[in-house]
PDB file of N, CA and C in Angstrom:
ATOM      1  N   UNK A   1      25.425  69.568  49.859  1.00  0.00           N
ATOM      2  CA  UNK A   1      24.665  69.528  48.833  1.00  0.00           C
ATOM      3  C   UNK A   1      24.766  68.087  48.327  1.00  0.00           C
ATOM      4  N   UNK A   2      23.740  68.190  47.895  1.00  0.00           N
ATOM      5  CA  UNK A   2      23.635  66.698  46.990  1.00  0.00           C
ATOM      6  C   UNK A   2      23.007  66.773  45.644  1.00  0.00           C
ATOM      7  N   UNK A   3      24.012  66.350  44.831  1.00  0.00           N
ATOM      8  CA  UNK A   3      23.681  66.710  43.370  1.00  0.00           C
ATOM      9  C   UNK A   3      22.850  65.617  42.567  1.00  0.00           C
ATOM     10  N   UNK A   4      21.814  66.209  42.046  1.00  0.00           N
ATOM     11  CA  UNK A   4      20.794  64.900  41.370  1.00  0.00           C
ATOM     12  C   UNK A   4      21.021  64.742  40.242  1.00  0.00           C
ATOM     13  N   UNK A   5      21.029  63.688  39.857  1.00  0.00           N
ATOM     14  CA  UNK A   5      21.183  62.873  38.483  1.00  0.00           C
ATOM     15  C   UNK A   5      20.372  63.055  37.959  1.00  0.00           C
ATOM     16  N   UNK A   6      19.696  63.710  36.988  1.00  0.00           N
ATOM     17  CA  UNK A   6      18.718  63.780  35.864  1.00  0.00           C
ATOM     18  C   UNK A   6      19.060  62.447  34.841  1.00  0.00           C
ATOM     19  N   UNK A   7      17.891  62.078  34.683  1.00  0.00           N
ATOM     20  CA  UNK A   7      17.720  60.806  34.076  1.00  0.00           C
ATOM     21  C   UNK A   7      17.891  61.306  32.358  1.00  0.00           C
ATOM     22  N   UNK A   8      18.257  60.861  31.277  1.00  0.00           N
ATOM     23  CA  UNK A   8      18.289  60.959  30.135  1.00  0.00           C
ATOM     24  C   UNK A   8      17.088  61.184  29.363  1.00  0.00           C
ATOM     25  N   UNK A   9      16.138  61.058  29.761  1.00  0.00           N
ATOM     26  CA  UNK A   9      14.722  60.903  28.637  1.00  0.00           C
ATOM     27  C   UNK A   9      13.726  62.075  29.855  1.00  0.00           C
ATOM     28  N   UNK A  10      13.918  62.208  31.188  1.00  0.00           N
ATOM     29  CA  UNK A  10      13.565  63.485  31.666  1.00  0.00           C
ATOM     30  C   UNK A  10      13.966  64.308  31.035  1.00  0.00           C
ATOM     31  N   UNK A  11      15.195  64.873  31.158  1.00  0.00           N
ATOM     32  CA  UNK A  11      16.798  66.002  30.760  1.00  0.00           C
ATOM     33  C   UNK A  11      15.857  65.947  28.969  1.00  0.00           C
ATOM     34  N   UNK A  12      15.356  65.178  28.326  1.00  0.00           N
ATOM     35  CA  UNK A  12      15.016  64.949  26.984  1.00  0.00           C
ATOM     36  C   UNK A  12      13.697  65.919  26.656  1.00  0.00           C
ATOM     37  N   UNK A  13      12.750  65.372  27.976  1.00  0.00           N
ATOM     38  CA  UNK A  13      11.423  65.419  28.293  1.00  0.00           C
ATOM     39  C   UNK A  13      11.240  67.205  28.307  1.00  0.00           C
ATOM     40  N   UNK A  14      11.963  67.700  29.146  1.00  0.00           N
ATOM     41  CA  UNK A  14      12.285  68.714  29.441  1.00  0.00           C
ATOM     42  C   UNK A  14      13.029  69.790  28.509  1.00  0.00           C
ATOM     43  N   UNK A  15      13.473  69.077  27.363  1.00  0.00           N
ATOM     44  CA  UNK A  15      14.103  69.849  26.592  1.00  0.00           C
ATOM     45  C   UNK A  15      12.890  70.049  25.384  1.00  0.00           C
ATOM     46  N   UNK A  16      12.068  69.109  25.409  1.00  0.00           N
ATOM     47  CA  UNK A  16      11.153  69.055  24.693  1.00  0.00           C
ATOM     48  C   UNK A  16      10.267  69.732  24.790  1.00  0.00           C
ATOM     49  N   UNK A  17       9.491  70.083  26.616  1.00  0.00           N
ATOM     50  CA  UNK A  17       8.348  70.994  26.572  1.00  0.00           C
ATOM     51  C   UNK A  17       8.939  72.363  26.408  1.00  0.00           C
ATOM     52  N   UNK A  18      10.558  72.546  26.898  1.00  0.00           N
ATOM     53  CA  UNK A  18      10.971  73.517  26.438  1.00  0.00           C
ATOM     54  C   UNK A  18      11.105  74.490  24.876  1.00  0.00           C
ATOM     55  N   UNK A  19      10.817  73.548  24.167  1.00  0.00           N
ATOM     56  CA  UNK A  19      11.278  73.726  22.524  1.00  0.00           C
ATOM     57  C   UNK A  19       9.780  74.091  22.136  1.00  0.00           C
ATOM     58  N   UNK A  20       8.797  73.188  23.026  1.00  0.00           N
ATOM     59  CA  UNK A  20       7.099  73.426  22.887  1.00  0.00           C
ATOM     60  C   UNK A  20       6.608  74.974  22.998  1.00  0.00           C
ATOM     61  N   UNK A  21       7.058  74.975  23.762  1.00  0.00           N
ATOM     62  CA  UNK A  21       7.039  76.494  24.328  1.00  0.00           C
ATOM     63  C   UNK A  21       7.808  77.439  23.469  1.00  0.00           C
ATOM     64  N   UNK A  22       8.809  77.115  22.913  1.00  0.00           N
ATOM     65  CA  UNK A  22       9.130  78.067  21.727  1.00  0.00           C
ATOM     66  C   UNK A  22       9.041  78.063  20.295  1.00  0.00           C
ATOM     67  N   UNK A  23       8.125  77.432  20.288  1.00  0.00           N
ATOM     68  CA  UNK A  23       7.804  76.851  18.656  1.00  0.00           C
ATOM     69  C   UNK A  23       7.666  77.437  17.461  1.00  0.00           C
ATOM     70  N   UNK A  24       7.531  79.304  18.259  1.00  0.00           N
ATOM     71  CA  UNK A  24       7.271  80.163  17.430  1.00  0.00           C
ATOM     72  C   UNK A  24       9.192  81.261  16.377  1.00  0.00           C
ATOM     73  N   UNK A  25       9.738  79.870  16.828  1.00  0.00           N
ATOM     74  CA  UNK A  25      11.210  80.509  16.330  1.00  0.00           C
ATOM     75  C   UNK A  25      11.031  79.944  14.942  1.00  0.00           C
ATOM     76  N   UNK A  26      12.131  80.440  14.185  1.00  0.00           N
ATOM     77  CA  UNK A  26      12.048  80.045  12.390  1.00  0.00           C
ATOM     78  C   UNK A  26      12.459  78.335  12.589  1.00  0.00           C
ATOM     79  N   UNK A  27      12.007  77.740  11.386  1.00  0.00           N
ATOM     80  CA  UNK A  27      11.743  76.252  11.123  1.00  0.00           C
ATOM     81  C   UNK A  27      13.262  75.994  11.102  1.00  0.00           C
ATOM     82  N   UNK A  28      14.196  76.478  10.934  1.00  0.00           N
ATOM     83  CA  UNK A  28      16.033  75.799  10.598  1.00  0.00           C
ATOM     84  C   UNK A  28      16.072  76.120  12.232  1.00  0.00           C
ATOM     85  N   UNK A  29      16.159  76.594  13.618  1.00  0.00           N
ATOM     86  CA  UNK A  29      16.329  76.669  14.693  1.00  0.00           C
ATOM     87  C   UNK A  29      15.880  75.342  15.796  1.00  0.00           C
ATOM     88  N   UNK A  30      13.674  75.712  15.261  1.00  0.00           N
ATOM     89  CA  UNK A  30      13.169  74.529  15.593  1.00  0.00           C
ATOM     90  C   UNK A  30      14.195  72.829  15.517  1.00  0.00           C
ATOM     91  N   UNK A  31      13.988  72.880  14.060  1.00  0.00           N
ATOM     92  CA  UNK A  31      14.894  71.397  13.465  1.00  0.00           C
ATOM     93  C   UNK A  31      15.727  71.122  14.333  1.00  0.00           C
ATOM     94  N   UNK A  32      16.912  72.122  13.998  1.00  0.00           N
ATOM     95  CA  UNK A  32      18.476  71.567  14.624  1.00  0.00           C
ATOM     96  C   UNK A  32      18.381  71.576  16.192  1.00  0.00           C
ATOM     97  N   UNK A  33      17.311  72.266  16.955  1.00  0.00           N
ATOM     98  CA  UNK A  33      17.339  71.701  18.254  1.00  0.00           C
ATOM     99  C   UNK A  33      16.456  70.376  18.698  1.00  0.00           C
ATOM    100  N   UNK A  34      15.370  70.434  18.055  1.00  0.00           N
ATOM    101  CA  UNK A  34      14.585  69.228  18.035  1.00  0.00           C
ATOM    102  C   UNK A  34      15.597  68.067  17.467  1.00  0.00           C
ATOM    103  N   UNK A  35      16.453  68.152  16.256  1.00  0.00           N
ATOM    104  CA  UNK A  35      17.239  67.283  15.739  1.00  0.00           C
ATOM    105  C   UNK A  35      18.403  66.800  17.469  1.00  0.00           C
ATOM    106  N   UNK A  36      19.116  67.972  18.054  1.00  0.00           N
ATOM    107  CA  UNK A  36      19.699  68.310  19.374  1.00  0.00           C
ATOM    108  C   UNK A  36      19.649  67.254  20.136  1.00  0.00           C
ATOM    109  N   UNK A  37      18.402  67.515  20.542  1.00  0.00           N
ATOM    110  CA  UNK A  37      17.537  66.846  21.671  1.00  0.00           C
ATOM    111  C   UNK A  37      17.235  65.819  21.352  1.00  0.00           C
ATOM    112  N   UNK A  38      17.144  65.149  20.226  1.00  0.00           N
ATOM    113  CA  UNK A  38      16.504  63.530  20.078  1.00  0.00           C
ATOM    114  C   UNK A  38      18.392  62.801  20.035  1.00  0.00           C
ATOM    115  N   UNK A  39      19.071  62.996  19.332  1.00  0.00           N
ATOM    116  CA  UNK A  39      20.768  62.719  19.033  1.00  0.00           C
ATOM    117  C   UNK A  39      21.493  62.575  20.522  1.00  0.00           C
ATOM    118  N   UNK A  40      20.699  63.744  21.250  1.00  0.00           N
ATOM    119  CA  UNK A  40      21.797  62.934  22.703  1.00  0.00           C
ATOM    120  C   UNK A  40      20.983  62.372  23.617  1.00  0.00           C
ATOM    121  N   UNK A  41      19.776  62.784  23.425  1.00  0.00           N
ATOM    122  CA  UNK A  41      18.930  61.434  24.255  1.00  0.00           C
ATOM    123  C   UNK A  41      19.327  60.263  23.807  1.00  0.00           C
ATOM    124  N   UNK A  42      19.439  59.771  22.572  1.00  0.00           N
ATOM    125  CA  UNK A  42      19.664  58.522  22.091  1.00  0.00           C
ATOM    126  C   UNK A  42      21.003  57.732  22.449  1.00  0.00           C
ATOM    127  N   UNK A  43      22.056  59.238  22.097  1.00  0.00           N
ATOM    128  CA  UNK A  43      23.338  58.761  22.636  1.00  0.00           C
ATOM    129  C   UNK A  43      23.734  58.837  24.331  1.00  0.00           C
ATOM    130  N   UNK A  44      23.020  59.517  25.191  1.00  0.00           N
ATOM    131  CA  UNK A  44      23.119  59.231  27.118  1.00  0.00           C
ATOM    132  C   UNK A  44      22.087  57.454  26.497  1.00  0.00           C
ATOM    133  N   UNK A  45      21.082  57.605  26.223  1.00  0.00           N
ATOM    134  CA  UNK A  45      20.031  56.492  26.666  1.00  0.00           C
ATOM    135  C   UNK A  45      20.631  54.967  26.136  1.00  0.00           C
ATOM    136  N   UNK A  46      21.295  55.099  25.142  1.00  0.00           N
ATOM    137  CA  UNK A  46      21.222  53.313  24.363  1.00  0.00           C
ATOM    138  C   UNK A  46      22.981  53.466  23.880  1.00  0.00           C
ATOM    139  N   UNK A  47      23.977  54.648  24.583  1.00  0.00           N
ATOM    140  CA  UNK A  47      24.701  54.711  23.840  1.00  0.00           C
ATOM    141  C   UNK A  47      25.483  54.416  22.782  1.00  0.00           C
ATOM    142  N   UNK A  48      25.093  55.339  22.057  1.00  0.00           N
ATOM    143  CA  UNK A  48      25.349  54.879  20.759  1.00  0.00           C
ATOM    144  C   UNK A  48      25.516  56.682  20.169  1.00  0.00           C
ATOM    145  N   UNK A  49      26.905  56.426  19.271  1.00  0.00           N
ATOM    146  CA  UNK A  49      27.256  57.736  19.682  1.00  0.00           C
ATOM    147  C   UNK A  49      26.082  58.593  18.078  1.00  0.00           C
ATOM    148  N   UNK A  50      25.637  59.530  18.383  1.00  0.00           N
ATOM    149  CA  UNK A  50      24.909  60.235  17.682  1.00  0.00           C
ATOM    150  C   UNK A  50      25.102  61.760  17.177  1.00  0.00           C
ATOM    151  N   UNK A  51      25.718  62.266  18.187  1.00  0.00           N
ATOM    152  CA  UNK A  51      26.079  63.825  18.175  1.00  0.00           C
ATOM    153  C   UNK A  51      27.074  64.215  17.319  1.00  0.00           C
ATOM    154  N   UNK A  52      27.616  63.474  16.684  1.00  0.00           N
ATOM    155  CA  UNK A  52      28.804  63.426  16.202  1.00  0.00           C
ATOM    156  C   UNK A  52      29.052  62.899  14.249  1.00  0.00           C
ATOM    157  N   UNK A  53      27.596  62.505  14.524  1.00  0.00           N
ATOM    158  CA  UNK A  53      27.723  61.939  12.685  1.00  0.00           C
ATOM    159  C   UNK A  53      26.584  62.510  12.015  1.00  0.00           C
ATOM    160  N   UNK A  54      26.645  62.538  10.724  1.00  0.00           N
ATOM    161  CA  UNK A  54      25.929  62.848   9.906  1.00  0.00           C
ATOM    162  C   UNK A  54      24.314  61.787   9.467  1.00  0.00           C
ATOM    163  N   UNK A  55      23.149  62.822   9.707  1.00  0.00           N
ATOM    164  CA  UNK A  55      22.077  61.941   9.379  1.00  0.00           C
ATOM    165  C   UNK A  55      21.817  60.379   8.829  1.00  0.00           C
ATOM    166  N   UNK A  56      22.669  60.668   7.753  1.00  0.00           N
ATOM    167  CA  UNK A  56      22.935  59.282   7.050  1.00  0.00           C
ATOM    168  C   UNK A  56      23.754  57.823   7.816  1.00  0.00           C
ATOM    169  N   UNK A  57      24.590  58.236   8.084  1.00  0.00           N
ATOM    170  CA  UNK A  57      25.624  57.721   9.481  1.00  0.00           C
ATOM    171  C   UNK A  57      24.706  56.957  10.826  1.00  0.00           C
ATOM    172  N   UNK A  58      24.186  57.862  10.988  1.00  0.00           N
ATOM    173  CA  UNK A  58      22.790  57.675  12.349  1.00  0.00           C
ATOM    174  C   UNK A  58      21.783  56.881  11.740  1.00  0.00           C
ATOM    175  N   UNK A  59      21.106  57.117  11.172  1.00  0.00           N
ATOM    176  CA  UNK A  59      20.262  56.289  10.643  1.00  0.00           C
ATOM    177  C   UNK A  59      21.150  54.606  10.075  1.00  0.00           C
ATOM    178  N   UNK A  60      21.689  54.534   9.821  1.00  0.00           N
ATOM    179  CA  UNK A  60      22.636  52.962   9.819  1.00  0.00           C
ATOM    180  C   UNK A  60      23.031  52.606  10.434  1.00  0.00           C
ATOM    181  N   UNK A  61      23.426  52.943  12.104  1.00  0.00           N
ATOM    182  CA  UNK A  61      23.939  52.710  12.939  1.00  0.00           C
ATOM    183  C   UNK A  61      22.656  52.519  14.467  1.00  0.00           C
ATOM    184  N   UNK A  62      21.280  53.396  13.670  1.00  0.00           N
ATOM    185  CA  UNK A  62      19.935  52.980  14.526  1.00  0.00           C
ATOM    186  C   UNK A  62      19.112  51.843  13.604  1.00  0.00           C
ATOM    187  N   UNK A  63      19.664  51.465  12.100  1.00  0.00           N
ATOM    188  CA  UNK A  63      19.093  50.543  11.705  1.00  0.00           C
ATOM    189  C   UNK A  63      19.563  48.716  11.830  1.00  0.00           C
ATOM    190  N   UNK A  64      21.367  49.377  11.981  1.00  0.00           N
ATOM    191  CA  UNK A  64      21.796  47.635  12.561  1.00  0.00           C
ATOM    192  C   UNK A  64      21.716  47.496  14.276  1.00  0.00           C
ATOM    193  N   UNK A  65      20.911  48.268  15.263  1.00  0.00           N
ATOM    194  CA  UNK A  65      20.819  48.014  16.145  1.00  0.00           C
ATOM    195  C   UNK A  65      19.238  47.351  16.674  1.00  0.00           C
ATOM    196  N   UNK A  66      19.384  46.734  17.900  1.00  0.00           N
ATOM    197  CA  UNK A  66      18.509  46.083  18.172  1.00  0.00           C
ATOM    198  C   UNK A  66      17.708  46.932  19.149  1.00  0.00           C
ATOM    199  N   UNK A  67      17.878  47.459  19.722  1.00  0.00           N
ATOM    200  CA  UNK A  67      17.355  47.914  20.381  1.00  0.00           C
ATOM    201  C   UNK A  67      15.736  48.573  20.746  1.00  0.00           C
ATOM    202  N   UNK A  68      15.499  48.783  19.365  1.00  0.00           N
ATOM    203  CA  UNK A  68      14.405  50.166  18.859  1.00  0.00           C
ATOM    204  C   UNK A  68      13.814  49.163  17.960  1.00  0.00           C
ATOM    205  N   UNK A  69      12.499  49.625  18.055  1.00  0.00           N
ATOM    206  CA  UNK A  69      11.574  48.780  17.441  1.00  0.00           C
ATOM    207  C   UNK A  69      11.788  49.093  16.083  1.00  0.00           C
ATOM    208  N   UNK A  70      11.062  48.571  14.949  1.00  0.00           N
ATOM    209  CA  UNK A  70      10.852  49.194  13.399  1.00  0.00           C
ATOM    210  C   UNK A  70      10.405  50.289  13.383  1.00  0.00           C
ATOM    211  N   UNK A  71       9.273  50.777  14.053  1.00  0.00           N
ATOM    212  CA  UNK A  71       8.958  51.626  14.334  1.00  0.00           C
ATOM    213  C   UNK A  71       9.054  52.587  14.404  1.00  0.00           C
ATOM    214  N   UNK A  72      10.027  52.694  15.667  1.00  0.00           N
ATOM    215  CA  UNK A  72      10.888  53.529  15.847  1.00  0.00           C
ATOM    216  C   UNK A  72      11.631  53.959  15.055  1.00  0.00           C
ATOM    217  N   UNK A  73      12.649  53.150  14.540  1.00  0.00           N
ATOM    218  CA  UNK A  73      13.492  53.031  13.353  1.00  0.00           C
ATOM    219  C   UNK A  73      13.368  54.388  12.405  1.00  0.00           C
ATOM    220  N   UNK A  74      11.717  53.479  12.117  1.00  0.00           N
ATOM    221  CA  UNK A  74      10.932  54.517  10.629  1.00  0.00           C
ATOM    222  C   UNK A  74      10.854  56.173  11.061  1.00  0.00           C
ATOM    223  N   UNK A  75      10.279  56.173  12.587  1.00  0.00           N
ATOM    224  CA  UNK A  75       9.831  57.484  12.719  1.00  0.00           C
ATOM    225  C   UNK A  75      11.117  58.296  13.234  1.00  0.00           C
ATOM    226  N   UNK A  76      12.339  57.749  13.527  1.00  0.00           N
ATOM    227  CA  UNK A  76      13.319  58.470  13.608  1.00  0.00           C
ATOM    228  C   UNK A  76      13.957  58.965  12.303  1.00  0.00           C
ATOM    229  N   UNK A  77      13.965  58.025  11.294  1.00  0.00           N
ATOM    230  CA  UNK A  77      14.270  58.294  10.011  1.00  0.00           C
ATOM    231  C   UNK A  77      13.650  59.176   9.126  1.00  0.00           C
ATOM    232  N   UNK A  78      11.876  59.071   9.212  1.00  0.00           N
ATOM    233  CA  UNK A  78      11.879  59.918   8.654  1.00  0.00           C
ATOM    234  C   UNK A  78      11.483  61.201   9.222  1.00  0.00           C
ATOM    235  N   UNK A  79      11.604  61.599  10.654  1.00  0.00           N
ATOM    236  CA  UNK A  79      12.160  63.091  11.354  1.00  0.00           C
ATOM    237  C   UNK A  79      13.079  63.305  10.805  1.00  0.00           C
ATOM    238  N   UNK A  80      14.398  62.469  10.521  1.00  0.00           N
ATOM    239  CA  UNK A  80      15.933  63.031  10.581  1.00  0.00           C
ATOM    240  C   UNK A  80      15.851  63.395   8.736  1.00  0.00           C
ATOM    241  N   UNK A  81      14.847  63.171   7.879  1.00  0.00           N
ATOM    242  CA  UNK A  81      15.187  63.626   6.577  1.00  0.00           C
ATOM    243  C   UNK A  81      14.535  64.627   6.350  1.00  0.00           C
ATOM    244  N   UNK A  82      12.962  65.094   7.233  1.00  0.00           N
ATOM    245  CA  UNK A  82      12.441  66.184   6.948  1.00  0.00           C
ATOM    246  C   UNK A  82      13.157  67.204   7.696  1.00  0.00           C
ATOM    247  N   UNK A  83      14.233  67.321   8.728  1.00  0.00           N
ATOM    248  CA  UNK A  83      14.806  68.003   9.377  1.00  0.00           C
ATOM    249  C   UNK A  83      15.996  68.195   8.499  1.00  0.00           C
ATOM    250  N   UNK A  84      16.481  67.316   7.975  1.00  0.00           N
ATOM    251  CA  UNK A  84      18.026  67.623   6.579  1.00  0.00           C
ATOM    252  C   UNK A  84      17.456  68.565   5.826  1.00  0.00           C
ATOM    253  N   UNK A  85      15.594  68.387   5.112  1.00  0.00           N
ATOM    254  CA  UNK A  85      14.734  68.941   4.099  1.00  0.00           C
ATOM    255  C   UNK A  85      15.343  70.803   4.836  1.00  0.00           C
ATOM    256  N   UNK A  86      14.916  70.881   5.741  1.00  0.00           N
ATOM    257  CA  UNK A  86      14.664  72.071   6.780  1.00  0.00           C
ATOM    258  C   UNK A  86      16.137  72.475   6.587  1.00  0.00           C
ATOM    259  N   UNK A  87      17.041  71.973   7.134  1.00  0.00           N
ATOM    260  CA  UNK A  87      17.859  72.932   7.693  1.00  0.00           C
ATOM    261  C   UNK A  87      19.032  72.804   6.287  1.00  0.00           C
ATOM    262  N   UNK A  88      19.031  71.875   5.392  1.00  0.00           N
ATOM    263  CA  UNK A  88      19.991  72.286   3.990  1.00  0.00           C
ATOM    264  C   UNK A  88      19.232  72.555   2.774  1.00  0.00           C
ATOM    265  N   UNK A  89      18.278  72.382   2.612  1.00  0.00           N
ATOM    266  CA  UNK A  89      17.404  72.456   1.396  1.00  0.00           C
ATOM    267  C   UNK A  89      16.076  73.685   1.543  1.00  0.00           C
ATOM    268  N   UNK A  90      16.250  74.089   3.056  1.00  0.00           N
ATOM    269  CA  UNK A  90      15.447  75.440   2.797  1.00  0.00           C
ATOM    270  C   UNK A  90      13.867  75.547   3.083  1.00  0.00           C
ATOM    271  N   UNK A  91      13.828  73.916   3.059  1.00  0.00           N
ATOM    272  CA  UNK A  91      12.634  73.260   3.172  1.00  0.00           C
ATOM    273  C   UNK A  91      11.750  74.121   4.417  1.00  0.00           C
ATOM    274  N   UNK A  92      10.751  74.582   4.161  1.00  0.00           N
ATOM    275  CA  UNK A  92       9.855  75.860   5.213  1.00  0.00           C
ATOM    276  C   UNK A  92       8.485  74.283   5.374  1.00  0.00           C
ATOM    277  N   UNK A  93       8.089  74.318   6.972  1.00  0.00           N
ATOM    278  CA  UNK A  93       7.073  73.781   6.953  1.00  0.00           C
ATOM    279  C   UNK A  93       6.268  74.544   7.949  1.00  0.00           C
ATOM    280  N   UNK A  94       4.724  73.828   8.538  1.00  0.00           N
ATOM    281  CA  UNK A  94       4.194  74.102   8.930  1.00  0.00           C
ATOM    282  C   UNK A  94       3.877  74.309  10.577  1.00  0.00           C
ATOM    283  N   UNK A  95       3.045  74.846  11.388  1.00  0.00           N
ATOM    284  CA  UNK A  95       3.391  74.475  12.686  1.00  0.00           C
ATOM    285  C   UNK A  95       2.702  73.478  12.756  1.00  0.00           C
ATOM    286  N   UNK A  96       1.940  72.594  12.148  1.00  0.00           N
ATOM    287  CA  UNK A  96       1.135  71.406  12.094  1.00  0.00           C
ATOM    288  C   UNK A  96       2.414  70.182  12.248  1.00  0.00           C
ATOM    289  N   UNK A  97       3.878  70.804  10.569  1.00  0.00           N
ATOM    290  CA  UNK A  97       4.648  69.741  10.754  1.00  0.00           C
ATOM    291  C   UNK A  97       5.287  69.966  12.085  1.00  0.00           C
ATOM    292  N   UNK A  98       5.648  70.917  12.333  1.00  0.00           N
ATOM    293  CA  UNK A  98       6.276  70.876  13.618  1.00  0.00           C
ATOM    294  C   UNK A  98       5.798  70.027  15.179  1.00  0.00           C
ATOM    295  N   UNK A  99       4.574  70.157  15.047  1.00  0.00           N
ATOM    296  CA  UNK A  99       3.769  69.934  15.998  1.00  0.00           C
ATOM    297  C   UNK A  99       4.224  68.705  16.075  1.00  0.00           C
ATOM    298  N   UNK A 100       3.419  67.900  14.688  1.00  0.00           N
ATOM    299  CA  UNK A 100       3.739  66.557  14.402  1.00  0.00           C
ATOM    300  C   UNK A 100       5.187  66.311  14.693  1.00  0.00           C
ATOM    301  N   UNK A 101       6.050  66.321  14.582  1.00  0.00           N
ATOM    302  CA  UNK A 101       7.195  66.094  14.637  1.00  0.00           C
ATOM    303  C   UNK A 101       8.099  66.451  16.459  1.00  0.00           C
ATOM    304  N   UNK A 102       7.182  67.333  17.116  1.00  0.00           N
ATOM    305  CA  UNK A 102       7.298  66.970  18.159  1.00  0.00           C
ATOM    306  C   UNK A 102       6.831  65.966  19.025  1.00  0.00           C
ATOM    307  N   UNK A 103       5.616  65.997  18.466  1.00  0.00           N
ATOM    308  CA  UNK A 103       5.122  64.910  18.958  1.00  0.00           C
ATOM    309  C   UNK A 103       5.763  63.653  18.949  1.00  0.00           C
ATOM    310  N   UNK A 104       5.953  62.881  17.836  1.00  0.00           N
ATOM    311  CA  UNK A 104       6.624  61.765  17.350  1.00  0.00           C
ATOM    312  C   UNK A 104       7.904  62.298  18.504  1.00  0.00           C
ATOM    313  N   UNK A 105       9.044  63.078  18.686  1.00  0.00           N
ATOM    314  CA  UNK A 105       9.727  63.216  19.217  1.00  0.00           C
ATOM    315  C   UNK A 105       9.645  62.475  20.995  1.00  0.00           C
ATOM    316  N   UNK A 106       8.454  63.068  21.698  1.00  0.00           N
ATOM    317  CA  UNK A 106       7.922  63.042  22.589  1.00  0.00           C
ATOM    318  C   UNK A 106       7.797  61.628  22.710  1.00  0.00           C
ATOM    319  N   UNK A 107       6.967  60.751  21.880  1.00  0.00           N
ATOM    320  CA  UNK A 107       6.494  59.734  22.337  1.00  0.00           C
ATOM    321  C   UNK A 107       7.785  58.509  22.289  1.00  0.00           C
ATOM    322  N   UNK A 108       8.740  58.858  21.505  1.00  0.00           N
ATOM    323  CA  UNK A 108       9.947  58.328  21.588  1.00  0.00           C
ATOM    324  C   UNK A 108      10.579  58.239  22.370  1.00  0.00           C
ATOM    325  N   UNK A 109      10.448  59.794  23.012  1.00  0.00           N
ATOM    326  CA  UNK A 109      11.417  59.084  24.550  1.00  0.00           C
ATOM    327  C   UNK A 109      10.660  58.544  25.084  1.00  0.00           C
ATOM    328  N   UNK A 110       8.699  58.600  25.525  1.00  0.00           N
ATOM    329  CA  UNK A 110       8.593  57.995  26.581  1.00  0.00           C
ATOM    330  C   UNK A 110       8.111  56.753  26.275  1.00  0.00           C
ATOM    331  N   UNK A 111       8.423  56.144  24.960  1.00  0.00           N
ATOM    332  CA  UNK A 111       8.472  54.753  24.858  1.00  0.00           C
ATOM    333  C   UNK A 111       9.773  54.337  25.249  1.00  0.00           C
ATOM    334  N   UNK A 112      11.098  54.460  25.379  1.00  0.00           N
ATOM    335  CA  UNK A 112      11.707  54.150  25.297  1.00  0.00           C
ATOM    336  C   UNK A 112      12.234  54.352  26.851  1.00  0.00           C
ATOM    337  N   UNK A 113      11.659  55.069  27.610  1.00  0.00           N
ATOM    338  CA  UNK A 113      12.409  55.061  28.988  1.00  0.00           C
ATOM    339  C   UNK A 113      12.153  53.666  29.179  1.00  0.00           C
ATOM    340  N   UNK A 114      13.655  53.254  30.187  1.00  0.00           N
ATOM    341  CA  UNK A 114      13.568  51.678  30.862  1.00  0.00           C
ATOM    342  C   UNK A 114      12.421  51.406  32.151  1.00  0.00           C
ATOM    343  N   UNK A 115      11.452  50.373  31.297  1.00  0.00           N
ATOM    344  CA  UNK A 115      10.705  49.938  33.030  1.00  0.00           C
ATOM    345  C   UNK A 115      11.531  49.060  34.184  1.00  0.00           C
ATOM    346  N   UNK A 116      11.068  49.796  34.936  1.00  0.00           N
ATOM    347  CA  UNK A 116      11.223  49.201  36.506  1.00  0.00           C
ATOM    348  C   UNK A 116      11.726  47.385  36.402  1.00  0.00           C
ATOM    349  N   UNK A 117      12.509  46.141  36.826  1.00  0.00           N
ATOM    350  CA  UNK A 117      12.427  45.065  36.539  1.00  0.00           C
ATOM    351  C   UNK A 117      11.726  44.625  37.602  1.00  0.00           C
ATOM    352  N   UNK A 118      10.751  43.823  37.815  1.00  0.00           N
ATOM    353  CA  UNK A 118      10.462  43.775  39.029  1.00  0.00           C
ATOM    354  C   UNK A 118      10.827  41.979  39.060  1.00  0.00           C
ATOM    355  N   UNK A 119      10.979  42.009  40.987  1.00  0.00           N
ATOM    356  CA  UNK A 119      11.445  40.782  41.036  1.00  0.00           C
ATOM    357  C   UNK A 119      10.558  40.446  41.328  1.00  0.00           C
ATOM    358  N   UNK A 120      11.255  38.508  41.151  1.00  0.00           N
ATOM    359  CA  UNK A 120      10.371  37.381  40.386  1.00  0.00           C
ATOM    360  C   UNK A 120      10.423  36.998  41.666  1.00  0.00           C
TER     361      UNK A 120
END
């Protein structure tokens, strides 16, 4: 038997699809799960410790990293601040906001899939 290693972006995309199919869960569970998917992906993909950090520590780390574009950094910051408001301030969101955050996460993962380097 062979063990298939699933790349971090594939793992993240599968988890996002699963969450999208289950998006009728309450806001807090939704944002905790989405935040976990993104943090785990970033940790595996960019080798940045993300799962054990507060959002503030994580954002600081992302800001200081040159791997991500400014737009990607802003999208992550915006998402994390929304997720924290839902998780800690009990803010409620609508289905559209959940969908927007899912789309942002999906785009983020797609944009950061490593491109094969062509031999010259």
